Amino acid sequence: MDGTISQAEPIACTLGAGEFGKRLDWIAELNRAALLDVQRKGVRLILAYRQEHANRVREMVRQEQKCCGFLGFDLREDDGRVTLVVKAPVSAADALDAIFEPFLTGSPQSGGCACAAPSSRKGEDNDYC
Protein backbone atom coordinates (compact mmCIF):
# COMPACT_ATOMS: atom_id res chain seq x y z
CA MET A 1 0.00 0.00 0.00
CA ASP A 2 1.15 3.50 -0.72
CA GLY A 3 2.59 5.42 2.23
CA THR A 4 1.89 8.82 0.68
CA ILE A 5 0.63 11.53 3.03
CA SER A 6 -1.91 13.98 1.70
CA GLN A 7 -0.73 17.51 2.41
CA ALA A 8 -4.22 18.88 1.70
CA GLU A 9 -5.88 16.89 4.50
CA PRO A 10 -6.39 18.53 7.89
CA ILE A 11 -4.52 16.88 10.75
CA ALA A 12 -7.64 15.51 12.39
CA CYS A 13 -9.74 12.35 12.38
CA THR A 14 -13.09 12.80 10.65
CA LEU A 15 -14.94 10.12 12.64
CA GLY A 16 -17.75 11.16 14.96
CA ALA A 17 -17.45 10.39 18.68
CA GLY A 18 -19.48 7.16 18.54
CA GLU A 19 -17.70 5.90 15.42
CA PHE A 20 -14.33 6.77 16.96
CA GLY A 21 -15.16 4.77 20.07
CA LYS A 22 -16.17 1.75 18.01
CA ARG A 23 -12.97 2.05 15.97
CA LEU A 24 -10.85 2.14 19.14
CA ASP A 25 -12.59 -0.99 20.40
CA TRP A 26 -12.03 -2.74 17.05
CA ILE A 27 -8.33 -1.82 16.97
CA ALA A 28 -7.92 -2.88 20.61
CA GLU A 29 -9.39 -6.30 19.82
CA LEU A 30 -7.10 -6.65 16.78
CA ASN A 31 -4.07 -5.65 18.85
CA ARG A 32 -4.83 -8.10 21.63
CA ALA A 33 -5.25 -10.92 19.10
CA ALA A 34 -2.46 -10.17 16.65
CA LEU A 35 0.03 -7.44 17.62
CA LEU A 36 3.57 -8.80 17.90
CA ASP A 37 5.74 -5.69 18.14
CA VAL A 38 5.61 -1.90 18.19
CA GLN A 39 8.41 0.55 17.43
CA ARG A 40 8.28 4.31 17.20
CA LYS A 41 10.87 6.07 15.05
CA GLY A 42 10.34 9.79 14.74
CA VAL A 43 7.12 10.43 12.81
CA ARG A 44 6.71 6.70 12.08
CA LEU A 45 4.92 4.05 14.11
CA ILE A 46 5.86 0.51 13.09
CA LEU A 47 3.39 -2.23 14.01
CA ALA A 48 4.02 -5.93 13.39
CA TYR A 49 1.03 -8.31 13.35
CA ARG A 50 0.61 -12.06 13.07
CA GLN A 51 0.33 -13.13 9.42
CA GLU A 52 -2.98 -14.93 9.95
CA HIS A 53 -4.59 -11.54 10.73
CA ALA A 54 -3.45 -9.89 7.48
CA ASN A 55 -7.01 -9.36 6.22
CA ARG A 56 -7.97 -7.54 9.41
CA VAL A 57 -4.87 -5.33 9.23
CA ARG A 58 -5.66 -4.48 5.60
CA GLU A 59 -9.22 -3.61 6.63
CA MET A 60 -7.90 -1.34 9.39
CA VAL A 61 -5.72 0.48 6.86
CA ARG A 62 -8.67 0.91 4.46
CA GLN A 63 -10.81 2.35 7.23
CA GLU A 64 -8.08 4.61 8.59
CA GLN A 65 -7.30 6.01 5.14
CA LYS A 66 -10.92 7.19 4.93
CA CYS A 67 -10.93 9.11 8.22
CA CYS A 68 -7.28 10.11 8.65
CA GLY A 69 -6.12 11.16 5.19
CA PHE A 70 -3.23 13.07 6.71
CA LEU A 71 -1.52 9.79 7.67
CA GLY A 72 0.53 7.63 5.34
CA PHE A 73 0.28 3.84 5.52
CA ASP A 74 2.78 1.31 4.20
CA LEU A 75 1.79 -2.33 4.56
CA ARG A 76 4.15 -5.23 3.89
CA GLU A 77 3.80 -8.95 4.33
CA ASP A 78 6.89 -11.08 4.83
CA ASP A 79 8.67 -13.37 7.29
CA GLY A 80 5.35 -14.67 8.63
CA ARG A 81 4.20 -11.25 9.75
CA VAL A 82 2.39 -8.19 8.50
CA THR A 83 4.24 -4.93 9.09
CA LEU A 84 2.35 -1.67 9.03
CA VAL A 85 4.18 1.64 9.06
CA VAL A 86 1.99 4.61 9.95
CA LYS A 87 3.64 7.91 9.06
CA ALA A 88 2.48 11.28 10.34
CA PRO A 89 3.39 14.58 8.70
CA VAL A 90 6.45 16.32 10.16
CA SER A 91 4.20 19.32 10.86
CA ALA A 92 2.33 17.15 13.40
CA ALA A 93 5.45 16.30 15.42
CA ASP A 94 4.09 17.98 18.57
CA ALA A 95 0.97 15.79 18.50
CA LEU A 96 2.48 12.36 17.73
CA ASP A 97 1.48 10.76 21.03
CA ALA A 98 -2.18 11.64 20.42
CA ILE A 99 -2.03 10.69 16.74
CA PHE A 100 -0.48 7.28 17.38
CA GLU A 101 -2.37 6.35 20.57
CA PRO A 102 -5.42 4.88 18.76
CA PHE A 103 -3.12 2.40 16.99
CA LEU A 104 -1.76 1.27 20.36
CA THR A 105 -5.13 0.75 22.04
CA GLY A 106 -5.25 -2.67 23.66
CA SER A 107 -1.49 -3.16 23.36
CA PRO A 108 0.95 -3.39 26.27
CA GLN A 109 2.34 -0.02 25.14
CA SER A 110 -0.97 1.62 26.09
CA GLY A 111 -1.16 -0.25 29.37
CA GLY A 112 -3.32 -2.92 27.75
CA CYS A 113 -6.46 -0.88 28.21
CA ALA A 114 -8.77 0.64 25.63
CA CYS A 115 -9.66 3.43 28.03
CA ALA A 116 -7.24 5.85 26.39
CA ALA A 117 -10.24 7.24 24.58
CA PRO A 118 -11.39 10.82 24.30
CA SER A 119 -13.84 12.30 26.81
CA SER A 120 -16.60 11.81 24.22
CA ARG A 121 -16.69 8.15 25.30
CA LYS A 122 -17.79 8.97 28.86
CA GLY A 123 -20.81 6.95 29.80
CA GLU A 124 -20.18 4.25 27.19
CA ASP A 125 -19.73 0.73 28.49
CA ASN A 126 -16.17 -0.45 28.13
CA ASP A 127 -15.45 -4.10 28.83
CA TYR A 128 -11.69 -3.58 28.63
CA CYS A 129 -11.20 -1.74 31.91
C-alpha atoms as a PDB file:
ATOM      1  CA  MET A   1       0.000   0.000   0.000  1.00  0.00           C
ATOM      2  CA  ASP A   2       1.148   3.502  -0.720  1.00  0.00           C
ATOM      3  CA  GLY A   3       2.592   5.417   2.225  1.00  0.00           C
ATOM      4  CA  THR A   4       1.890   8.823   0.676  1.00  0.00           C
ATOM      5  CA  ILE A   5       0.635  11.526   3.026  1.00  0.00           C
ATOM      6  CA  SER A   6      -1.908  13.978   1.701  1.00  0.00           C
ATOM      7  CA  GLN A   7      -0.726  17.507   2.406  1.00  0.00           C
ATOM      8  CA  ALA A   8      -4.222  18.879   1.705  1.00  0.00           C
ATOM      9  CA  GLU A   9      -5.882  16.887   4.499  1.00  0.00           C
ATOM     10  CA  PRO A  10      -6.390  18.532   7.893  1.00  0.00           C
ATOM     11  CA  ILE A  11      -4.519  16.879  10.755  1.00  0.00           C
ATOM     12  CA  ALA A  12      -7.642  15.509  12.393  1.00  0.00           C
ATOM     13  CA  CYS A  13      -9.736  12.349  12.383  1.00  0.00           C
ATOM     14  CA  THR A  14     -13.087  12.800  10.652  1.00  0.00           C
ATOM     15  CA  LEU A  15     -14.942  10.121  12.639  1.00  0.00           C
ATOM     16  CA  GLY A  16     -17.750  11.160  14.957  1.00  0.00           C
ATOM     17  CA  ALA A  17     -17.452  10.389  18.678  1.00  0.00           C
ATOM     18  CA  GLY A  18     -19.476   7.157  18.537  1.00  0.00           C
ATOM     19  CA  GLU A  19     -17.702   5.903  15.421  1.00  0.00           C
ATOM     20  CA  PHE A  20     -14.327   6.769  16.955  1.00  0.00           C
ATOM     21  CA  GLY A  21     -15.160   4.766  20.074  1.00  0.00           C
ATOM     22  CA  LYS A  22     -16.168   1.755  18.007  1.00  0.00           C
ATOM     23  CA  ARG A  23     -12.966   2.047  15.972  1.00  0.00           C
ATOM     24  CA  LEU A  24     -10.852   2.144  19.142  1.00  0.00           C
ATOM     25  CA  ASP A  25     -12.591  -0.987  20.399  1.00  0.00           C
ATOM     26  CA  TRP A  26     -12.028  -2.740  17.052  1.00  0.00           C
ATOM     27  CA  ILE A  27      -8.331  -1.822  16.972  1.00  0.00           C
ATOM     28  CA  ALA A  28      -7.923  -2.881  20.614  1.00  0.00           C
ATOM     29  CA  GLU A  29      -9.386  -6.302  19.821  1.00  0.00           C
ATOM     30  CA  LEU A  30      -7.096  -6.651  16.784  1.00  0.00           C
ATOM     31  CA  ASN A  31      -4.067  -5.648  18.852  1.00  0.00           C
ATOM     32  CA  ARG A  32      -4.835  -8.104  21.631  1.00  0.00           C
ATOM     33  CA  ALA A  33      -5.255 -10.922  19.095  1.00  0.00           C
ATOM     34  CA  ALA A  34      -2.464 -10.166  16.648  1.00  0.00           C
ATOM     35  CA  LEU A  35       0.029  -7.441  17.616  1.00  0.00           C
ATOM     36  CA  LEU A  36       3.572  -8.799  17.899  1.00  0.00           C
ATOM     37  CA  ASP A  37       5.736  -5.692  18.137  1.00  0.00           C
ATOM     38  CA  VAL A  38       5.611  -1.901  18.189  1.00  0.00           C
ATOM     39  CA  GLN A  39       8.406   0.554  17.432  1.00  0.00           C
ATOM     40  CA  ARG A  40       8.284   4.307  17.200  1.00  0.00           C
ATOM     41  CA  LYS A  41      10.872   6.068  15.050  1.00  0.00           C
ATOM     42  CA  GLY A  42      10.338   9.793  14.739  1.00  0.00           C
ATOM     43  CA  VAL A  43       7.117  10.429  12.814  1.00  0.00           C
ATOM     44  CA  ARG A  44       6.711   6.697  12.083  1.00  0.00           C
ATOM     45  CA  LEU A  45       4.916   4.054  14.112  1.00  0.00           C
ATOM     46  CA  ILE A  46       5.855   0.507  13.095  1.00  0.00           C
ATOM     47  CA  LEU A  47       3.393  -2.233  14.014  1.00  0.00           C
ATOM     48  CA  ALA A  48       4.016  -5.932  13.392  1.00  0.00           C
ATOM     49  CA  TYR A  49       1.034  -8.308  13.351  1.00  0.00           C
ATOM     50  CA  ARG A  50       0.610 -12.065  13.068  1.00  0.00           C
ATOM     51  CA  GLN A  51       0.333 -13.132   9.418  1.00  0.00           C
ATOM     52  CA  GLU A  52      -2.977 -14.931   9.953  1.00  0.00           C
ATOM     53  CA  HIS A  53      -4.593 -11.542  10.731  1.00  0.00           C
ATOM     54  CA  ALA A  54      -3.447  -9.891   7.484  1.00  0.00           C
ATOM     55  CA  ASN A  55      -7.013  -9.358   6.220  1.00  0.00           C
ATOM     56  CA  ARG A  56      -7.967  -7.538   9.410  1.00  0.00           C
ATOM     57  CA  VAL A  57      -4.867  -5.332   9.232  1.00  0.00           C
ATOM     58  CA  ARG A  58      -5.656  -4.485   5.595  1.00  0.00           C
ATOM     59  CA  GLU A  59      -9.219  -3.613   6.635  1.00  0.00           C
ATOM     60  CA  MET A  60      -7.905  -1.340   9.394  1.00  0.00           C
ATOM     61  CA  VAL A  61      -5.721   0.478   6.865  1.00  0.00           C
ATOM     62  CA  ARG A  62      -8.665   0.907   4.462  1.00  0.00           C
ATOM     63  CA  GLN A  63     -10.806   2.354   7.227  1.00  0.00           C
ATOM     64  CA  GLU A  64      -8.083   4.613   8.595  1.00  0.00           C
ATOM     65  CA  GLN A  65      -7.299   6.010   5.145  1.00  0.00           C
ATOM     66  CA  LYS A  66     -10.918   7.193   4.931  1.00  0.00           C
ATOM     67  CA  CYS A  67     -10.925   9.105   8.220  1.00  0.00           C
ATOM     68  CA  CYS A  68      -7.278  10.108   8.651  1.00  0.00           C
ATOM     69  CA  GLY A  69      -6.124  11.157   5.194  1.00  0.00           C
ATOM     70  CA  PHE A  70      -3.230  13.072   6.710  1.00  0.00           C
ATOM     71  CA  LEU A  71      -1.523   9.790   7.674  1.00  0.00           C
ATOM     72  CA  GLY A  72       0.533   7.627   5.343  1.00  0.00           C
ATOM     73  CA  PHE A  73       0.280   3.844   5.519  1.00  0.00           C
ATOM     74  CA  ASP A  74       2.780   1.313   4.198  1.00  0.00           C
ATOM     75  CA  LEU A  75       1.789  -2.332   4.565  1.00  0.00           C
ATOM     76  CA  ARG A  76       4.146  -5.230   3.886  1.00  0.00           C
ATOM     77  CA  GLU A  77       3.799  -8.954   4.333  1.00  0.00           C
ATOM     78  CA  ASP A  78       6.893 -11.078   4.825  1.00  0.00           C
ATOM     79  CA  ASP A  79       8.667 -13.366   7.292  1.00  0.00           C
ATOM     80  CA  GLY A  80       5.353 -14.666   8.632  1.00  0.00           C
ATOM     81  CA  ARG A  81       4.200 -11.255   9.753  1.00  0.00           C
ATOM     82  CA  VAL A  82       2.389  -8.191   8.499  1.00  0.00           C
ATOM     83  CA  THR A  83       4.243  -4.933   9.095  1.00  0.00           C
ATOM     84  CA  LEU A  84       2.345  -1.674   9.034  1.00  0.00           C
ATOM     85  CA  VAL A  85       4.181   1.643   9.060  1.00  0.00           C
ATOM     86  CA  VAL A  86       1.994   4.610   9.951  1.00  0.00           C
ATOM     87  CA  LYS A  87       3.638   7.914   9.060  1.00  0.00           C
ATOM     88  CA  ALA A  88       2.482  11.284  10.340  1.00  0.00           C
ATOM     89  CA  PRO A  89       3.391  14.581   8.704  1.00  0.00           C
ATOM     90  CA  VAL A  90       6.448  16.318  10.162  1.00  0.00           C
ATOM     91  CA  SER A  91       4.203  19.322  10.856  1.00  0.00           C
ATOM     92  CA  ALA A  92       2.331  17.149  13.404  1.00  0.00           C
ATOM     93  CA  ALA A  93       5.451  16.299  15.419  1.00  0.00           C
ATOM     94  CA  ASP A  94       4.088  17.980  18.574  1.00  0.00           C
ATOM     95  CA  ALA A  95       0.973  15.785  18.501  1.00  0.00           C
ATOM     96  CA  LEU A  96       2.483  12.363  17.726  1.00  0.00           C
ATOM     97  CA  ASP A  97       1.480  10.763  21.032  1.00  0.00           C
ATOM     98  CA  ALA A  98      -2.176  11.642  20.423  1.00  0.00           C
ATOM     99  CA  ILE A  99      -2.028  10.694  16.738  1.00  0.00           C
ATOM    100  CA  PHE A 100      -0.480   7.275  17.378  1.00  0.00           C
ATOM    101  CA  GLU A 101      -2.372   6.351  20.574  1.00  0.00           C
ATOM    102  CA  PRO A 102      -5.420   4.877  18.761  1.00  0.00           C
ATOM    103  CA  PHE A 103      -3.117   2.403  16.987  1.00  0.00           C
ATOM    104  CA  LEU A 104      -1.759   1.274  20.359  1.00  0.00           C
ATOM    105  CA  THR A 105      -5.129   0.746  22.040  1.00  0.00           C
ATOM    106  CA  GLY A 106      -5.247  -2.668  23.661  1.00  0.00           C
ATOM    107  CA  SER A 107      -1.489  -3.155  23.363  1.00  0.00           C
ATOM    108  CA  PRO A 108       0.953  -3.394  26.266  1.00  0.00           C
ATOM    109  CA  GLN A 109       2.336  -0.020  25.136  1.00  0.00           C
ATOM    110  CA  SER A 110      -0.972   1.624  26.092  1.00  0.00           C
ATOM    111  CA  GLY A 111      -1.160  -0.248  29.368  1.00  0.00           C
ATOM    112  CA  GLY A 112      -3.321  -2.921  27.746  1.00  0.00           C
ATOM    113  CA  CYS A 113      -6.462  -0.875  28.210  1.00  0.00           C
ATOM    114  CA  ALA A 114      -8.771   0.639  25.625  1.00  0.00           C
ATOM    115  CA  CYS A 115      -9.655   3.427  28.032  1.00  0.00           C
ATOM    116  CA  ALA A 116      -7.242   5.847  26.390  1.00  0.00           C
ATOM    117  CA  ALA A 117     -10.239   7.236  24.585  1.00  0.00           C
ATOM    118  CA  PRO A 118     -11.388  10.820  24.297  1.00  0.00           C
ATOM    119  CA  SER A 119     -13.836  12.296  26.809  1.00  0.00           C
ATOM    120  CA  SER A 120     -16.600  11.813  24.216  1.00  0.00           C
ATOM    121  CA  ARG A 121     -16.690   8.155  25.304  1.00  0.00           C
ATOM    122  CA  LYS A 122     -17.788   8.966  28.858  1.00  0.00           C
ATOM    123  CA  GLY A 123     -20.811   6.950  29.800  1.00  0.00           C
ATOM    124  CA  GLU A 124     -20.177   4.253  27.193  1.00  0.00           C
ATOM    125  CA  ASP A 125     -19.732   0.733  28.489  1.00  0.00           C
ATOM    126  CA  ASN A 126     -16.171  -0.452  28.129  1.00  0.00           C
ATOM    127  CA  ASP A 127     -15.451  -4.103  28.827  1.00  0.00           C
ATOM    128  CA  TYR A 128     -11.694  -3.584  28.635  1.00  0.00           C
ATOM    129  CA  CYS A 129     -11.201  -1.738  31.912  1.00  0.00           C
END
